[in-house]
Amino acid sequence: MAGSHVKADLWVNEYMTPWDIYSHGITKVLATASTPFQEMQIVETGVYGRALVLDGKWQSCTGDEFLYHEPLVHPAMIAHRAPKDVLILGGGEGATSREVLKWSCVENVTMIDIDGEVVAACREHLSEMHQGAFSDPRHEVLIEDGMKFLDETDQSWDVVISDLSDPIEDGPSFQFFTREYFEKVKGLLRENGVFVVQSGPVSPPGIEMHAKLHRTMSAVFPSVRSHSSHVPTYCAPWSYILGSDIDLPTRPEPDEVDQLLRQKVSGELRMFDGTTLLGMLQLPAHVRRAIEAETEIYTLTSPPKFFGKGVAKEVETTAT
């Protein structure tokens, strides 16, 4: 394109559909590993800061991760109102833990991640993201399989947060987007407990998976609500689904939410407040229609599969 100047020589090409690629310009590779579970890179980008990439799929980056992590954590915490014990499945960057630990009522956070190499790399290279959450005395990290942990634990929680990588083919996360997983979580929630799962894009090409996840959650929880947030480096509006036995309102009063946040939360919330929550819960008509029309439920024998891995490529020229 006339007048443009491309400044990156290394690109992570993330396949969004069989016809669409999002290319992230990389200025430096900070860490790379082939773990027993996945391919990992931590990279420096030209615009959005440092990023974690797993199996070629963008996980989060310092430049816009708050647009993902704040909507993931705070609606569930608000729905409960005073959570003391929180379980996080996944969350290797530590940013989900960071947001949970902002709540003064929280006494214990247990984070379960299967890949210790990824967690260690994030602790070393993504301090801007976790902001010391791993050192908080309320925080415990267990490196083990999440399903095995759920089967064996005798603990219960007020809030459970499912912050796992997308269920791409050959990845480690398929089972965590199924009815069997949701049922295990429900059995470990206390009275008034709340569950939230990151549930993929709600752009037109990806909305089917979200609708099926919503339908699957509805087969387990009597009250289910979706909300979304636009995260620029995901190249799509990103969605979340809340599930609980308690009624989850779709029109919370912003002033009441803000008052609760002032009482319970310390530290900065960059994008989230009562007005933001109200807006996120008002789903566009095409998303509501997709959810209403869906009948399929994801199970271990019929799990979701998110499209494609990404690749890293070097280019020979920096100008076009």
C-alpha atoms as a PDB file:
ATOM      1  CA  MET A   1       0.000   0.000   0.000  1.00  0.00           C
ATOM      2  CA  ALA A   2       1.415   3.393  -1.014  1.00  0.00           C
ATOM      3  CA  GLY A   3       2.807   5.412   1.866  1.00  0.00           C
ATOM      4  CA  SER A   4       2.906   2.599   4.416  1.00  0.00           C
ATOM      5  CA  HIS A   5       6.014   1.272   6.123  1.00  0.00           C
ATOM      6  CA  VAL A   6       6.019  -2.166   7.747  1.00  0.00           C
ATOM      7  CA  LYS A   7       8.426  -2.245  10.686  1.00  0.00           C
ATOM      8  CA  ALA A   8       8.387  -5.927  11.741  1.00  0.00           C
ATOM      9  CA  ASP A   9      10.508  -8.669  10.197  1.00  0.00           C
ATOM     10  CA  LEU A  10       8.861 -11.476  12.185  1.00  0.00           C
ATOM     11  CA  TRP A  11       5.148 -12.151  12.191  1.00  0.00           C
ATOM     12  CA  VAL A  12       2.862 -14.511  14.079  1.00  0.00           C
ATOM     13  CA  ASN A  13       0.125 -15.446  11.632  1.00  0.00           C
ATOM     14  CA  GLU A  14      -2.958 -16.545  13.521  1.00  0.00           C
ATOM     15  CA  TYR A  15      -5.545 -18.371  11.440  1.00  0.00           C
ATOM     16  CA  MET A  16      -9.020 -17.099  12.336  1.00  0.00           C
ATOM     17  CA  THR A  17     -10.929 -19.051   9.641  1.00  0.00           C
ATOM     18  CA  PRO A  18      -9.763 -21.094   6.628  1.00  0.00           C
ATOM     19  CA  TRP A  19      -9.698 -17.788   4.709  1.00  0.00           C
ATOM     20  CA  ASP A  20      -8.642 -15.190   7.289  1.00  0.00           C
ATOM     21  CA  ILE A  21      -5.327 -14.511   9.043  1.00  0.00           C
ATOM     22  CA  TYR A  22      -4.463 -11.976  11.741  1.00  0.00           C
ATOM     23  CA  SER A  23      -0.754 -11.122  11.538  1.00  0.00           C
ATOM     24  CA  HIS A  24       0.946  -9.822  14.687  1.00  0.00           C
ATOM     25  CA  GLY A  25       4.232  -7.987  14.089  1.00  0.00           C
ATOM     26  CA  ILE A  26       6.940  -9.231  16.498  1.00  0.00           C
ATOM     27  CA  THR A  27      10.033  -7.252  17.444  1.00  0.00           C
ATOM     28  CA  LYS A  28      11.614  -9.782  19.820  1.00  0.00           C
ATOM     29  CA  VAL A  29      11.126 -13.361  21.007  1.00  0.00           C
ATOM     30  CA  LEU A  30      11.632 -13.440  24.774  1.00  0.00           C
ATOM     31  CA  ALA A  31      10.993 -17.132  25.444  1.00  0.00           C
ATOM     32  CA  THR A  32      10.108 -20.210  23.452  1.00  0.00           C
ATOM     33  CA  ALA A  33       9.493 -23.816  24.438  1.00  0.00           C
ATOM     34  CA  SER A  34       7.941 -27.010  23.211  1.00  0.00           C
ATOM     35  CA  THR A  35       6.356 -28.345  26.403  1.00  0.00           C
ATOM     36  CA  PRO A  36       4.702 -31.757  26.811  1.00  0.00           C
ATOM     37  CA  PHE A  37       1.374 -30.002  26.254  1.00  0.00           C
ATOM     38  CA  GLN A  38       1.810 -27.194  23.725  1.00  0.00           C
ATOM     39  CA  GLU A  39       4.103 -24.848  21.815  1.00  0.00           C
ATOM     40  CA  MET A  40       4.785 -21.620  23.718  1.00  0.00           C
ATOM     41  CA  GLN A  41       6.279 -18.263  22.863  1.00  0.00           C
ATOM     42  CA  ILE A  42       6.440 -15.031  24.807  1.00  0.00           C
ATOM     43  CA  VAL A  43       7.075 -12.200  22.407  1.00  0.00           C
ATOM     44  CA  GLU A  44       7.470  -8.432  22.256  1.00  0.00           C
ATOM     45  CA  THR A  45       5.152  -6.722  19.783  1.00  0.00           C
ATOM     46  CA  GLY A  46       5.514  -3.404  18.059  1.00  0.00           C
ATOM     47  CA  VAL A  47       2.320  -1.822  19.444  1.00  0.00           C
ATOM     48  CA  TYR A  48       0.684  -3.983  22.125  1.00  0.00           C
ATOM     49  CA  GLY A  49       3.605  -4.872  24.394  1.00  0.00           C
ATOM     50  CA  ARG A  50       4.466  -8.394  25.506  1.00  0.00           C
ATOM     51  CA  ALA A  51       2.280 -11.340  24.601  1.00  0.00           C
ATOM     52  CA  LEU A  52       1.822 -15.026  25.387  1.00  0.00           C
ATOM     53  CA  VAL A  53       1.253 -17.288  22.379  1.00  0.00           C
ATOM     54  CA  LEU A  54       0.232 -20.945  22.767  1.00  0.00           C
ATOM     55  CA  ASP A  55       0.063 -23.285  19.784  1.00  0.00           C
ATOM     56  CA  GLY A  56       0.155 -20.236  17.560  1.00  0.00           C
ATOM     57  CA  LYS A  57      -2.939 -18.716  19.191  1.00  0.00           C
ATOM     58  CA  TRP A  58      -2.764 -15.305  20.828  1.00  0.00           C
ATOM     59  CA  GLN A  59      -3.572 -15.650  24.545  1.00  0.00           C
ATOM     60  CA  SER A  60      -3.188 -12.122  25.905  1.00  0.00           C
ATOM     61  CA  CYS A  61      -0.803  -9.202  25.803  1.00  0.00           C
ATOM     62  CA  THR A  62       0.079  -6.339  28.093  1.00  0.00           C
ATOM     63  CA  GLY A  63      -1.392  -3.700  25.788  1.00  0.00           C
ATOM     64  CA  ASP A  64      -5.028  -4.804  25.898  1.00  0.00           C
ATOM     65  CA  GLU A  65      -5.313  -7.745  28.324  1.00  0.00           C
ATOM     66  CA  PHE A  66      -7.417  -5.621  30.713  1.00  0.00           C
ATOM     67  CA  LEU A  67     -10.169  -5.690  28.093  1.00  0.00           C
ATOM     68  CA  TYR A  68     -10.226  -9.489  28.512  1.00  0.00           C
ATOM     69  CA  HIS A  69      -9.406 -10.102  32.173  1.00  0.00           C
ATOM     70  CA  GLU A  70     -11.611  -7.487  33.826  1.00  0.00           C
ATOM     71  CA  PRO A  71     -14.786  -8.736  32.049  1.00  0.00           C
ATOM     72  CA  LEU A  72     -13.774 -12.334  32.770  1.00  0.00           C
ATOM     73  CA  VAL A  73     -13.428 -11.852  36.528  1.00  0.00           C
ATOM     74  CA  HIS A  74     -15.583  -9.054  37.856  1.00  0.00           C
ATOM     75  CA  PRO A  75     -19.101  -9.973  36.635  1.00  0.00           C
ATOM     76  CA  ALA A  76     -18.856 -13.313  38.463  1.00  0.00           C
ATOM     77  CA  MET A  77     -17.471 -11.690  41.602  1.00  0.00           C
ATOM     78  CA  ILE A  78     -20.245  -9.072  41.535  1.00  0.00           C
ATOM     79  CA  ALA A  79     -22.913 -11.733  41.060  1.00  0.00           C
ATOM     80  CA  HIS A  80     -21.729 -13.463  44.235  1.00  0.00           C
ATOM     81  CA  ARG A  81     -21.119 -10.122  46.002  1.00  0.00           C
ATOM     82  CA  ALA A  82     -18.724 -11.393  48.703  1.00  0.00           C
ATOM     83  CA  PRO A  83     -16.618 -14.347  47.486  1.00  0.00           C
ATOM     84  CA  LYS A  84     -14.015 -15.710  49.887  1.00  0.00           C
ATOM     85  CA  ASP A  85     -12.655 -18.747  48.031  1.00  0.00           C
ATOM     86  CA  VAL A  86     -12.003 -18.647  44.285  1.00  0.00           C
ATOM     87  CA  LEU A  87     -10.784 -21.380  41.934  1.00  0.00           C
ATOM     88  CA  ILE A  88      -9.107 -20.522  38.635  1.00  0.00           C
ATOM     89  CA  LEU A  89      -8.653 -23.190  35.955  1.00  0.00           C
ATOM     90  CA  GLY A  90      -5.863 -22.038  33.637  1.00  0.00           C
ATOM     91  CA  GLY A  91      -4.809 -18.415  33.961  1.00  0.00           C
ATOM     92  CA  GLY A  92      -1.088 -18.982  33.429  1.00  0.00           C
ATOM     93  CA  GLU A  93      -0.261 -15.308  32.880  1.00  0.00           C
ATOM     94  CA  GLY A  94      -1.440 -14.481  36.410  1.00  0.00           C
ATOM     95  CA  ALA A  95      -3.676 -11.625  35.251  1.00  0.00           C
ATOM     96  CA  THR A  96      -6.882 -13.424  36.212  1.00  0.00           C
ATOM     97  CA  SER A  97      -5.457 -13.957  39.691  1.00  0.00           C
ATOM     98  CA  ARG A  98      -4.474 -10.283  39.790  1.00  0.00           C
ATOM     99  CA  GLU A  99      -8.065  -9.196  39.217  1.00  0.00           C
ATOM    100  CA  VAL A 100      -9.494 -11.672  41.754  1.00  0.00           C
ATOM    101  CA  LEU A 101      -7.039 -10.533  44.407  1.00  0.00           C
ATOM    102  CA  LYS A 102      -8.273  -6.949  44.086  1.00  0.00           C
ATOM    103  CA  TRP A 103     -11.342  -8.057  46.068  1.00  0.00           C
ATOM    104  CA  SER A 104     -10.744  -7.478  49.777  1.00  0.00           C
ATOM    105  CA  CYS A 105     -13.214 -10.205  50.765  1.00  0.00           C
ATOM    106  CA  VAL A 106     -11.152 -12.899  48.986  1.00  0.00           C
ATOM    107  CA  GLU A 107      -9.269 -15.124  51.418  1.00  0.00           C
ATOM    108  CA  ASN A 108      -7.967 -17.913  49.161  1.00  0.00           C
ATOM    109  CA  VAL A 109      -7.289 -18.228  45.429  1.00  0.00           C
ATOM    110  CA  THR A 110      -6.324 -21.609  43.976  1.00  0.00           C
ATOM    111  CA  MET A 111      -4.974 -21.564  40.424  1.00  0.00           C
ATOM    112  CA  ILE A 112      -4.711 -24.860  38.542  1.00  0.00           C
ATOM    113  CA  ASP A 113      -2.597 -24.996  35.384  1.00  0.00           C
ATOM    114  CA  ILE A 114      -1.349 -28.113  33.647  1.00  0.00           C
ATOM    115  CA  ASP A 115       1.767 -26.531  32.163  1.00  0.00           C
ATOM    116  CA  GLY A 116       4.384 -25.484  34.690  1.00  0.00           C
ATOM    117  CA  GLU A 117       6.798 -24.321  31.992  1.00  0.00           C
ATOM    118  CA  VAL A 118       4.276 -21.780  30.737  1.00  0.00           C
ATOM    119  CA  VAL A 119       3.522 -20.523  34.254  1.00  0.00           C
ATOM    120  CA  ALA A 120       7.229 -20.143  35.018  1.00  0.00           C
ATOM    121  CA  ALA A 121       7.841 -18.240  31.786  1.00  0.00           C
ATOM    122  CA  CYS A 122       4.914 -15.913  32.501  1.00  0.00           C
ATOM    123  CA  ARG A 123       6.182 -15.236  36.014  1.00  0.00           C
ATOM    124  CA  GLU A 124       9.560 -14.263  34.566  1.00  0.00           C
ATOM    125  CA  HIS A 125       8.576 -12.287  31.490  1.00  0.00           C
ATOM    126  CA  LEU A 126       5.039 -10.968  32.127  1.00  0.00           C
ATOM    127  CA  SER A 127       5.376  -9.154  35.446  1.00  0.00           C
ATOM    128  CA  GLU A 128       3.468  -6.219  34.000  1.00  0.00           C
ATOM    129  CA  MET A 129       0.553  -8.602  33.616  1.00  0.00           C
ATOM    130  CA  HIS A 130       0.543 -10.550  36.892  1.00  0.00           C
ATOM    131  CA  GLN A 131       1.791  -7.596  38.987  1.00  0.00           C
ATOM    132  CA  GLY A 132       3.028  -9.825  41.790  1.00  0.00           C
ATOM    133  CA  ALA A 133      -0.128 -11.915  42.113  1.00  0.00           C
ATOM    134  CA  PHE A 134       1.917 -15.119  42.362  1.00  0.00           C
ATOM    135  CA  SER A 135       3.543 -13.807  45.552  1.00  0.00           C
ATOM    136  CA  ASP A 136       0.320 -12.848  47.307  1.00  0.00           C
ATOM    137  CA  PRO A 137      -0.064 -15.017  50.463  1.00  0.00           C
ATOM    138  CA  ARG A 138      -3.695 -15.684  49.545  1.00  0.00           C
ATOM    139  CA  HIS A 139      -2.658 -17.238  46.231  1.00  0.00           C
ATOM    140  CA  GLU A 140      -1.739 -20.894  45.592  1.00  0.00           C
ATOM    141  CA  VAL A 141      -0.580 -22.376  42.286  1.00  0.00           C
ATOM    142  CA  LEU A 142      -0.965 -26.096  41.603  1.00  0.00           C
ATOM    143  CA  ILE A 143       0.593 -27.574  38.463  1.00  0.00           C
ATOM    144  CA  GLU A 144      -1.667 -30.460  37.566  1.00  0.00           C
ATOM    145  CA  ASP A 145      -4.486 -31.580  35.330  1.00  0.00           C
ATOM    146  CA  GLY A 146      -7.632 -29.599  36.082  1.00  0.00           C
ATOM    147  CA  MET A 147     -10.035 -32.485  35.503  1.00  0.00           C
ATOM    148  CA  LYS A 148      -8.047 -34.728  37.837  1.00  0.00           C
ATOM    149  CA  PHE A 149      -8.056 -31.999  40.468  1.00  0.00           C
ATOM    150  CA  LEU A 150     -11.833 -31.575  40.221  1.00  0.00           C
ATOM    151  CA  ASP A 151     -12.334 -35.327  40.550  1.00  0.00           C
ATOM    152  CA  GLU A 152     -10.156 -35.613  43.643  1.00  0.00           C
ATOM    153  CA  THR A 153     -10.718 -32.420  45.620  1.00  0.00           C
ATOM    154  CA  ASP A 154     -13.003 -32.203  48.643  1.00  0.00           C
ATOM    155  CA  GLN A 155     -12.950 -28.397  48.618  1.00  0.00           C
ATOM    156  CA  SER A 156     -15.726 -26.075  47.501  1.00  0.00           C
ATOM    157  CA  TRP A 157     -15.686 -22.533  46.097  1.00  0.00           C
ATOM    158  CA  ASP A 158     -17.730 -19.374  45.887  1.00  0.00           C
ATOM    159  CA  VAL A 159     -16.530 -18.529  42.373  1.00  0.00           C
ATOM    160  CA  VAL A 160     -14.912 -20.754  39.729  1.00  0.00           C
ATOM    161  CA  ILE A 161     -13.253 -19.117  36.725  1.00  0.00           C
ATOM    162  CA  SER A 162     -12.444 -21.133  33.616  1.00  0.00           C
ATOM    163  CA  ASP A 163      -9.644 -19.232  31.881  1.00  0.00           C
ATOM    164  CA  LEU A 164      -8.356 -21.930  29.568  1.00  0.00           C
ATOM    165  CA  SER A 165      -6.857 -21.801  26.104  1.00  0.00           C
ATOM    166  CA  ASP A 166      -9.190 -22.322  23.173  1.00  0.00           C
ATOM    167  CA  PRO A 167     -10.103 -25.929  22.321  1.00  0.00           C
ATOM    168  CA  ILE A 168      -7.957 -26.110  19.190  1.00  0.00           C
ATOM    169  CA  GLU A 169      -7.272 -29.439  17.546  1.00  0.00           C
ATOM    170  CA  ASP A 170      -4.525 -31.379  19.417  1.00  0.00           C
ATOM    171  CA  GLY A 171      -4.556 -28.824  22.266  1.00  0.00           C
ATOM    172  CA  PRO A 172      -5.034 -29.672  25.965  1.00  0.00           C
ATOM    173  CA  SER A 173      -8.371 -27.902  26.567  1.00  0.00           C
ATOM    174  CA  PHE A 174     -11.125 -29.805  24.703  1.00  0.00           C
ATOM    175  CA  GLN A 175     -12.629 -31.369  27.795  1.00  0.00           C
ATOM    176  CA  PHE A 176     -13.023 -28.049  29.601  1.00  0.00           C
ATOM    177  CA  PHE A 177     -15.774 -26.915  27.246  1.00  0.00           C
ATOM    178  CA  THR A 178     -18.152 -29.845  27.777  1.00  0.00           C
ATOM    179  CA  ARG A 179     -21.207 -30.692  29.846  1.00  0.00           C
ATOM    180  CA  GLU A 180     -19.192 -33.177  31.911  1.00  0.00           C
ATOM    181  CA  TYR A 181     -16.772 -30.442  32.963  1.00  0.00           C
ATOM    182  CA  PHE A 182     -19.545 -27.979  33.762  1.00  0.00           C
ATOM    183  CA  GLU A 183     -21.253 -30.620  35.902  1.00  0.00           C
ATOM    184  CA  LYS A 184     -18.053 -31.230  37.874  1.00  0.00           C
ATOM    185  CA  VAL A 185     -17.725 -27.505  38.527  1.00  0.00           C
ATOM    186  CA  LYS A 186     -21.350 -27.152  39.585  1.00  0.00           C
ATOM    187  CA  GLY A 187     -20.891 -29.918  42.138  1.00  0.00           C
ATOM    188  CA  LEU A 188     -18.062 -27.947  43.780  1.00  0.00           C
ATOM    189  CA  LEU A 189     -19.821 -24.594  43.997  1.00  0.00           C
ATOM    190  CA  ARG A 190     -21.187 -23.455  47.328  1.00  0.00           C
ATOM    191  CA  GLU A 191     -24.657 -22.051  47.798  1.00  0.00           C
ATOM    192  CA  ASN A 192     -24.888 -18.850  45.715  1.00  0.00           C
ATOM    193  CA  GLY A 193     -21.742 -19.905  43.858  1.00  0.00           C
ATOM    194  CA  VAL A 194     -20.999 -18.531  40.388  1.00  0.00           C
ATOM    195  CA  PHE A 195     -19.104 -20.048  37.460  1.00  0.00           C
ATOM    196  CA  VAL A 196     -17.699 -18.197  34.449  1.00  0.00           C
ATOM    197  CA  VAL A 197     -16.071 -19.594  31.314  1.00  0.00           C
ATOM    198  CA  GLN A 198     -14.319 -17.733  28.504  1.00  0.00           C
ATOM    199  CA  SER A 199     -16.360 -18.823  25.524  1.00  0.00           C
ATOM    200  CA  GLY A 200     -14.676 -17.654  22.357  1.00  0.00           C
ATOM    201  CA  PRO A 201     -15.504 -15.047  19.721  1.00  0.00           C
ATOM    202  CA  VAL A 202     -18.959 -13.812  18.864  1.00  0.00           C
ATOM    203  CA  SER A 203     -18.020 -12.517  15.427  1.00  0.00           C
ATOM    204  CA  PRO A 204     -20.245 -14.075  12.746  1.00  0.00           C
ATOM    205  CA  PRO A 205     -17.761 -16.819  11.739  1.00  0.00           C
ATOM    206  CA  GLY A 206     -17.293 -17.967  15.360  1.00  0.00           C
ATOM    207  CA  ILE A 207     -20.670 -17.414  16.949  1.00  0.00           C
ATOM    208  CA  GLU A 208     -21.800 -21.036  16.575  1.00  0.00           C
ATOM    209  CA  MET A 209     -19.339 -22.271  19.204  1.00  0.00           C
ATOM    210  CA  HIS A 210     -20.481 -19.637  21.682  1.00  0.00           C
ATOM    211  CA  ALA A 211     -24.140 -20.509  21.108  1.00  0.00           C
ATOM    212  CA  LYS A 212     -23.416 -24.214  21.678  1.00  0.00           C
ATOM    213  CA  LEU A 213     -21.451 -23.456  24.840  1.00  0.00           C
ATOM    214  CA  HIS A 214     -24.353 -21.345  26.117  1.00  0.00           C
ATOM    215  CA  ARG A 215     -26.741 -24.211  25.354  1.00  0.00           C
ATOM    216  CA  THR A 216     -24.392 -26.636  27.144  1.00  0.00           C
ATOM    217  CA  MET A 217     -24.173 -24.395  30.208  1.00  0.00           C
ATOM    218  CA  SER A 218     -27.976 -24.111  30.205  1.00  0.00           C
ATOM    219  CA  ALA A 219     -28.208 -27.913  30.468  1.00  0.00           C
ATOM    220  CA  VAL A 220     -26.315 -27.679  33.792  1.00  0.00           C
ATOM    221  CA  PHE A 221     -27.158 -24.306  35.399  1.00  0.00           C
ATOM    222  CA  PRO A 222     -30.655 -22.859  35.853  1.00  0.00           C
ATOM    223  CA  SER A 223     -29.396 -19.292  35.327  1.00  0.00           C
ATOM    224  CA  VAL A 224     -27.021 -18.580  32.429  1.00  0.00           C
ATOM    225  CA  ARG A 225     -25.946 -15.215  30.992  1.00  0.00           C
ATOM    226  CA  SER A 226     -23.553 -14.231  28.194  1.00  0.00           C
ATOM    227  CA  HIS A 227     -21.572 -11.031  27.874  1.00  0.00           C
ATOM    228  CA  SER A 228     -18.757  -9.840  25.642  1.00  0.00           C
ATOM    229  CA  SER A 229     -15.872  -7.407  25.339  1.00  0.00           C
ATOM    230  CA  HIS A 230     -13.958  -6.216  22.302  1.00  0.00           C
ATOM    231  CA  VAL A 231     -10.278  -7.156  22.535  1.00  0.00           C
ATOM    232  CA  PRO A 232      -8.366  -5.681  19.568  1.00  0.00           C
ATOM    233  CA  THR A 233      -5.603  -8.311  19.389  1.00  0.00           C
ATOM    234  CA  TYR A 234      -8.220 -11.095  19.257  1.00  0.00           C
ATOM    235  CA  CYS A 235      -9.586  -9.600  16.034  1.00  0.00           C
ATOM    236  CA  ALA A 236     -13.130 -10.232  17.325  1.00  0.00           C
ATOM    237  CA  PRO A 237     -15.482  -9.412  20.183  1.00  0.00           C
ATOM    238  CA  TRP A 238     -14.754 -11.995  22.888  1.00  0.00           C
ATOM    239  CA  SER A 239     -17.409 -13.681  24.989  1.00  0.00           C
ATOM    240  CA  TYR A 240     -17.956 -15.110  28.454  1.00  0.00           C
ATOM    241  CA  ILE A 241     -20.750 -17.167  29.980  1.00  0.00           C
ATOM    242  CA  LEU A 242     -21.880 -17.013  33.608  1.00  0.00           C
ATOM    243  CA  GLY A 243     -23.702 -19.913  35.255  1.00  0.00           C
ATOM    244  CA  SER A 244     -25.277 -20.209  38.690  1.00  0.00           C
ATOM    245  CA  ASP A 245     -28.190 -21.523  40.727  1.00  0.00           C
ATOM    246  CA  ILE A 246     -28.959 -17.931  41.730  1.00  0.00           C
ATOM    247  CA  ASP A 247     -30.722 -15.533  39.387  1.00  0.00           C
ATOM    248  CA  LEU A 248     -28.226 -13.595  37.267  1.00  0.00           C
ATOM    249  CA  PRO A 249     -29.803 -10.274  36.255  1.00  0.00           C
ATOM    250  CA  THR A 250     -29.375  -8.929  32.741  1.00  0.00           C
ATOM    251  CA  ARG A 251     -30.026  -5.315  33.808  1.00  0.00           C
ATOM    252  CA  PRO A 252     -27.984  -4.651  36.958  1.00  0.00           C
ATOM    253  CA  GLU A 253     -28.242  -1.159  38.407  1.00  0.00           C
ATOM    254  CA  PRO A 254     -24.957   0.635  37.606  1.00  0.00           C
ATOM    255  CA  ASP A 255     -24.943   2.751  40.778  1.00  0.00           C
ATOM    256  CA  GLU A 256     -25.365  -0.361  42.952  1.00  0.00           C
ATOM    257  CA  VAL A 257     -22.541  -2.127  41.121  1.00  0.00           C
ATOM    258  CA  ASP A 258     -20.272   0.895  41.525  1.00  0.00           C
ATOM    259  CA  GLN A 259     -21.034   1.045  45.244  1.00  0.00           C
ATOM    260  CA  LEU A 260     -20.148  -2.636  45.642  1.00  0.00           C
ATOM    261  CA  LEU A 261     -16.892  -2.113  43.740  1.00  0.00           C
ATOM    262  CA  ARG A 262     -15.969   0.832  45.951  1.00  0.00           C
ATOM    263  CA  GLN A 263     -16.608  -1.264  49.057  1.00  0.00           C
ATOM    264  CA  LYS A 264     -14.864  -4.457  47.968  1.00  0.00           C
ATOM    265  CA  VAL A 265     -12.236  -3.664  45.334  1.00  0.00           C
ATOM    266  CA  SER A 266      -8.847  -2.003  45.702  1.00  0.00           C
ATOM    267  CA  GLY A 267      -6.641  -1.146  42.784  1.00  0.00           C
ATOM    268  CA  GLU A 268      -7.449   0.281  39.389  1.00  0.00           C
ATOM    269  CA  LEU A 269     -10.217  -1.008  37.125  1.00  0.00           C
ATOM    270  CA  ARG A 270      -9.373   0.389  33.718  1.00  0.00           C
ATOM    271  CA  MET A 271     -12.469  -0.469  31.674  1.00  0.00           C
ATOM    272  CA  PHE A 272     -14.932  -1.979  34.123  1.00  0.00           C
ATOM    273  CA  ASP A 273     -17.672  -0.334  36.192  1.00  0.00           C
ATOM    274  CA  GLY A 274     -21.429  -0.593  36.641  1.00  0.00           C
ATOM    275  CA  THR A 275     -22.248   1.048  33.325  1.00  0.00           C
ATOM    276  CA  THR A 276     -19.800  -1.224  31.515  1.00  0.00           C
ATOM    277  CA  LEU A 277     -21.394  -4.332  33.041  1.00  0.00           C
ATOM    278  CA  LEU A 278     -24.887  -3.201  32.068  1.00  0.00           C
ATOM    279  CA  GLY A 279     -23.758  -2.596  28.508  1.00  0.00           C
ATOM    280  CA  MET A 280     -21.888  -5.901  28.134  1.00  0.00           C
ATOM    281  CA  LEU A 281     -24.975  -7.883  29.162  1.00  0.00           C
ATOM    282  CA  GLN A 282     -27.108  -6.337  26.399  1.00  0.00           C
ATOM    283  CA  LEU A 283     -26.337  -8.793  23.625  1.00  0.00           C
ATOM    284  CA  PRO A 284     -26.852  -7.819  19.976  1.00  0.00           C
ATOM    285  CA  ALA A 285     -29.889  -9.354  18.302  1.00  0.00           C
ATOM    286  CA  HIS A 286     -27.892 -11.726  16.084  1.00  0.00           C
ATOM    287  CA  VAL A 287     -26.129 -13.190  19.132  1.00  0.00           C
ATOM    288  CA  ARG A 288     -29.421 -13.638  21.014  1.00  0.00           C
ATOM    289  CA  ARG A 289     -30.982 -15.329  17.991  1.00  0.00           C
ATOM    290  CA  ALA A 290     -28.024 -17.706  17.602  1.00  0.00           C
ATOM    291  CA  ILE A 291     -28.285 -18.714  21.272  1.00  0.00           C
ATOM    292  CA  GLU A 292     -32.052 -19.175  21.082  1.00  0.00           C
ATOM    293  CA  ALA A 293     -31.835 -21.331  17.953  1.00  0.00           C
ATOM    294  CA  GLU A 294     -29.043 -23.640  19.166  1.00  0.00           C
ATOM    295  CA  THR A 295     -29.896 -27.174  20.324  1.00  0.00           C
ATOM    296  CA  GLU A 296     -26.519 -28.997  20.348  1.00  0.00           C
ATOM    297  CA  ILE A 297     -24.688 -29.736  23.607  1.00  0.00           C
ATOM    298  CA  TYR A 298     -20.926 -30.272  23.786  1.00  0.00           C
ATOM    299  CA  THR A 299     -19.876 -33.504  25.512  1.00  0.00           C
ATOM    300  CA  LEU A 300     -16.632 -35.429  25.927  1.00  0.00           C
ATOM    301  CA  THR A 301     -17.632 -37.581  22.978  1.00  0.00           C
ATOM    302  CA  SER A 302     -18.592 -34.524  20.919  1.00  0.00           C
ATOM    303  CA  PRO A 303     -16.410 -31.600  22.087  1.00  0.00           C
ATOM    304  CA  PRO A 304     -15.839 -28.260  20.352  1.00  0.00           C
ATOM    305  CA  LYS A 305     -12.855 -27.668  18.102  1.00  0.00           C
ATOM    306  CA  PHE A 306     -11.594 -24.146  17.608  1.00  0.00           C
ATOM    307  CA  PHE A 307     -10.105 -23.513  14.188  1.00  0.00           C
ATOM    308  CA  GLY A 308      -6.438 -23.678  13.419  1.00  0.00           C
ATOM    309  CA  LYS A 309      -2.982 -23.109  14.795  1.00  0.00           C
ATOM    310  CA  GLY A 310      -0.828 -20.147  13.955  1.00  0.00           C
ATOM    311  CA  VAL A 311       2.701 -20.001  12.548  1.00  0.00           C
ATOM    312  CA  ALA A 312       5.651 -17.632  12.831  1.00  0.00           C
ATOM    313  CA  LYS A 313       7.174 -16.367   9.610  1.00  0.00           C
ATOM    314  CA  GLU A 314      10.000 -14.004   8.726  1.00  0.00           C
ATOM    315  CA  VAL A 315       9.665 -11.568   5.840  1.00  0.00           C
ATOM    316  CA  GLU A 316      12.483 -10.329   3.651  1.00  0.00           C
ATOM    317  CA  THR A 317      11.406  -6.711   3.335  1.00  0.00           C
ATOM    318  CA  THR A 318      10.095  -4.076   5.696  1.00  0.00           C
ATOM    319  CA  ALA A 319       8.487  -1.841   3.100  1.00  0.00           C
ATOM    320  CA  THR A 320       5.465  -2.206   0.871  1.00  0.00           C
END
